[in-house]
Amino acid sequence: MGTHYITEDCINCGACADVCPVDAISEKGELHIVDQPTCTDCGACDEVCPVDAIKWD
């Protein structure tokens, strides 16, 4: 199983945090970050990111 993470391409729009069913995404400075232990890798955030800043490793 991999993990989702948000790259520096993030424009801090918050769309990812709004759709996260487990509240694993939060704002940190000028970016949003994924709390890895909380993330269930559902992929909901991938679908809504307007700049494709969310990656899966």
N, C-alpha and C. Protein backbone atom coordinates (compact mmCIF):
# COMPACT_ATOMS: atom_id res chain seq x y z
N MET A 1 0.84 -1.18 0.00
CA MET A 1 0.00 0.00 0.00
C MET A 1 0.88 1.24 0.00
N GLY A 2 0.52 2.20 -0.80
CA GLY A 2 1.29 3.43 -0.89
C GLY A 2 0.73 4.52 -0.02
N THR A 3 1.21 5.72 -0.25
CA THR A 3 0.73 6.86 0.51
C THR A 3 0.53 8.05 -0.40
N HIS A 4 -0.46 8.85 -0.12
CA HIS A 4 -0.70 10.08 -0.85
C HIS A 4 0.11 11.21 -0.21
N TYR A 5 0.57 12.12 -1.04
CA TYR A 5 1.25 13.30 -0.53
C TYR A 5 0.98 14.46 -1.49
N ILE A 6 1.20 15.67 -1.00
CA ILE A 6 0.92 16.87 -1.78
C ILE A 6 2.24 17.56 -2.09
N THR A 7 2.46 17.86 -3.37
CA THR A 7 3.71 18.47 -3.80
C THR A 7 3.66 19.99 -3.63
N GLU A 8 4.77 20.62 -3.90
CA GLU A 8 4.87 22.08 -3.79
C GLU A 8 4.08 22.79 -4.89
N ASP A 9 3.48 22.04 -5.81
CA ASP A 9 2.62 22.63 -6.83
C ASP A 9 1.28 23.08 -6.25
N CYS A 10 1.02 22.71 -5.00
CA CYS A 10 -0.23 23.05 -4.31
C CYS A 10 -0.47 24.56 -4.36
N ILE A 11 -1.70 24.94 -4.73
CA ILE A 11 -2.06 26.37 -4.76
C ILE A 11 -2.90 26.76 -3.55
N ASN A 12 -3.00 25.84 -2.57
CA ASN A 12 -3.67 26.11 -1.30
C ASN A 12 -5.15 26.45 -1.46
N CYS A 13 -5.81 25.78 -2.41
CA CYS A 13 -7.23 26.06 -2.64
C CYS A 13 -8.14 25.38 -1.62
N GLY A 14 -7.65 24.27 -1.02
CA GLY A 14 -8.43 23.58 0.00
C GLY A 14 -9.43 22.57 -0.51
N ALA A 15 -9.51 22.38 -1.82
CA ALA A 15 -10.47 21.42 -2.37
C ALA A 15 -10.23 20.02 -1.83
N CYS A 16 -8.99 19.65 -1.67
CA CYS A 16 -8.64 18.31 -1.18
C CYS A 16 -9.12 18.10 0.24
N ALA A 17 -8.91 19.08 1.09
CA ALA A 17 -9.32 18.97 2.49
C ALA A 17 -10.84 18.88 2.60
N ASP A 18 -11.55 19.57 1.72
CA ASP A 18 -13.01 19.57 1.76
C ASP A 18 -13.60 18.19 1.46
N VAL A 19 -12.92 17.38 0.65
CA VAL A 19 -13.47 16.08 0.27
C VAL A 19 -12.89 14.91 1.05
N CYS A 20 -11.89 15.14 1.86
CA CYS A 20 -11.24 14.04 2.59
C CYS A 20 -12.21 13.48 3.64
N PRO A 21 -12.58 12.20 3.52
CA PRO A 21 -13.56 11.63 4.44
C PRO A 21 -13.03 11.38 5.86
N VAL A 22 -11.72 11.41 6.03
CA VAL A 22 -11.15 11.16 7.36
C VAL A 22 -10.38 12.36 7.91
N ASP A 23 -10.54 13.52 7.29
CA ASP A 23 -9.88 14.76 7.72
C ASP A 23 -8.37 14.61 7.87
N ALA A 24 -7.76 13.95 6.88
CA ALA A 24 -6.31 13.72 6.91
C ALA A 24 -5.51 14.85 6.26
N ILE A 25 -6.20 15.84 5.69
CA ILE A 25 -5.52 16.92 4.99
C ILE A 25 -5.76 18.23 5.72
N SER A 26 -4.68 18.95 5.96
CA SER A 26 -4.80 20.23 6.65
C SER A 26 -3.87 21.25 6.02
N GLU A 27 -4.14 22.51 6.32
CA GLU A 27 -3.33 23.60 5.80
C GLU A 27 -2.10 23.79 6.68
N LYS A 28 -0.97 23.93 6.02
CA LYS A 28 0.27 24.23 6.74
C LYS A 28 1.02 25.28 5.94
N GLY A 29 0.99 26.49 6.43
CA GLY A 29 1.62 27.59 5.70
C GLY A 29 0.89 27.85 4.40
N GLU A 30 1.62 27.79 3.30
CA GLU A 30 1.02 28.06 2.00
C GLU A 30 0.67 26.80 1.23
N LEU A 31 0.70 25.66 1.90
CA LEU A 31 0.38 24.38 1.28
C LEU A 31 -0.60 23.61 2.15
N HIS A 32 -1.12 22.55 1.60
CA HIS A 32 -1.87 21.58 2.38
C HIS A 32 -0.99 20.34 2.51
N ILE A 33 -1.15 19.63 3.60
CA ILE A 33 -0.36 18.42 3.83
C ILE A 33 -1.28 17.26 4.19
N VAL A 34 -0.78 16.04 3.93
CA VAL A 34 -1.52 14.83 4.25
C VAL A 34 -0.93 14.22 5.52
N ASP A 35 -1.78 13.95 6.49
CA ASP A 35 -1.35 13.25 7.69
C ASP A 35 -1.34 11.76 7.34
N GLN A 36 -0.14 11.22 7.11
CA GLN A 36 0.00 9.85 6.61
C GLN A 36 -0.68 8.79 7.48
N PRO A 37 -0.55 8.82 8.80
CA PRO A 37 -1.21 7.79 9.61
C PRO A 37 -2.74 7.81 9.51
N THR A 38 -3.31 8.97 9.23
CA THR A 38 -4.77 9.09 9.15
C THR A 38 -5.30 8.77 7.76
N CYS A 39 -4.53 9.06 6.74
CA CYS A 39 -4.94 8.87 5.34
C CYS A 39 -5.26 7.40 5.06
N THR A 40 -6.39 7.17 4.39
CA THR A 40 -6.80 5.81 4.02
C THR A 40 -6.53 5.52 2.55
N ASP A 41 -5.88 6.45 1.84
CA ASP A 41 -5.56 6.31 0.42
C ASP A 41 -6.80 6.06 -0.43
N CYS A 42 -7.89 6.73 -0.11
CA CYS A 42 -9.14 6.54 -0.86
C CYS A 42 -9.09 7.18 -2.24
N GLY A 43 -8.26 8.23 -2.40
CA GLY A 43 -8.11 8.88 -3.69
C GLY A 43 -9.09 10.01 -3.96
N ALA A 44 -9.95 10.33 -3.02
CA ALA A 44 -10.92 11.41 -3.24
C ALA A 44 -10.22 12.73 -3.54
N CYS A 45 -9.11 12.97 -2.88
CA CYS A 45 -8.38 14.23 -3.07
C CYS A 45 -7.78 14.33 -4.47
N ASP A 46 -7.33 13.20 -5.01
CA ASP A 46 -6.74 13.19 -6.36
C ASP A 46 -7.70 13.76 -7.40
N GLU A 47 -8.95 13.38 -7.26
CA GLU A 47 -9.96 13.73 -8.25
C GLU A 47 -10.31 15.22 -8.27
N VAL A 48 -10.10 15.91 -7.17
CA VAL A 48 -10.53 17.31 -7.10
C VAL A 48 -9.40 18.34 -7.21
N CYS A 49 -8.16 17.90 -7.15
CA CYS A 49 -7.04 18.85 -7.21
C CYS A 49 -6.95 19.49 -8.59
N PRO A 50 -7.11 20.82 -8.67
CA PRO A 50 -7.10 21.48 -9.97
C PRO A 50 -5.72 21.59 -10.62
N VAL A 51 -4.66 21.36 -9.86
CA VAL A 51 -3.31 21.49 -10.42
C VAL A 51 -2.52 20.19 -10.34
N ASP A 52 -3.19 19.07 -10.07
CA ASP A 52 -2.56 17.76 -10.02
C ASP A 52 -1.37 17.73 -9.07
N ALA A 53 -1.53 18.34 -7.90
CA ALA A 53 -0.44 18.43 -6.92
C ALA A 53 -0.43 17.24 -5.97
N ILE A 54 -1.42 16.37 -6.07
CA ILE A 54 -1.50 15.23 -5.16
C ILE A 54 -0.97 13.99 -5.88
N LYS A 55 0.01 13.39 -5.27
CA LYS A 55 0.67 12.22 -5.87
C LYS A 55 0.51 11.02 -4.96
N TRP A 56 0.78 9.87 -5.51
CA TRP A 56 0.68 8.61 -4.77
C TRP A 56 2.00 7.89 -4.92
N ASP A 57 2.57 7.45 -3.83
CA ASP A 57 3.87 6.78 -3.88
C ASP A 57 3.74 5.38 -3.34
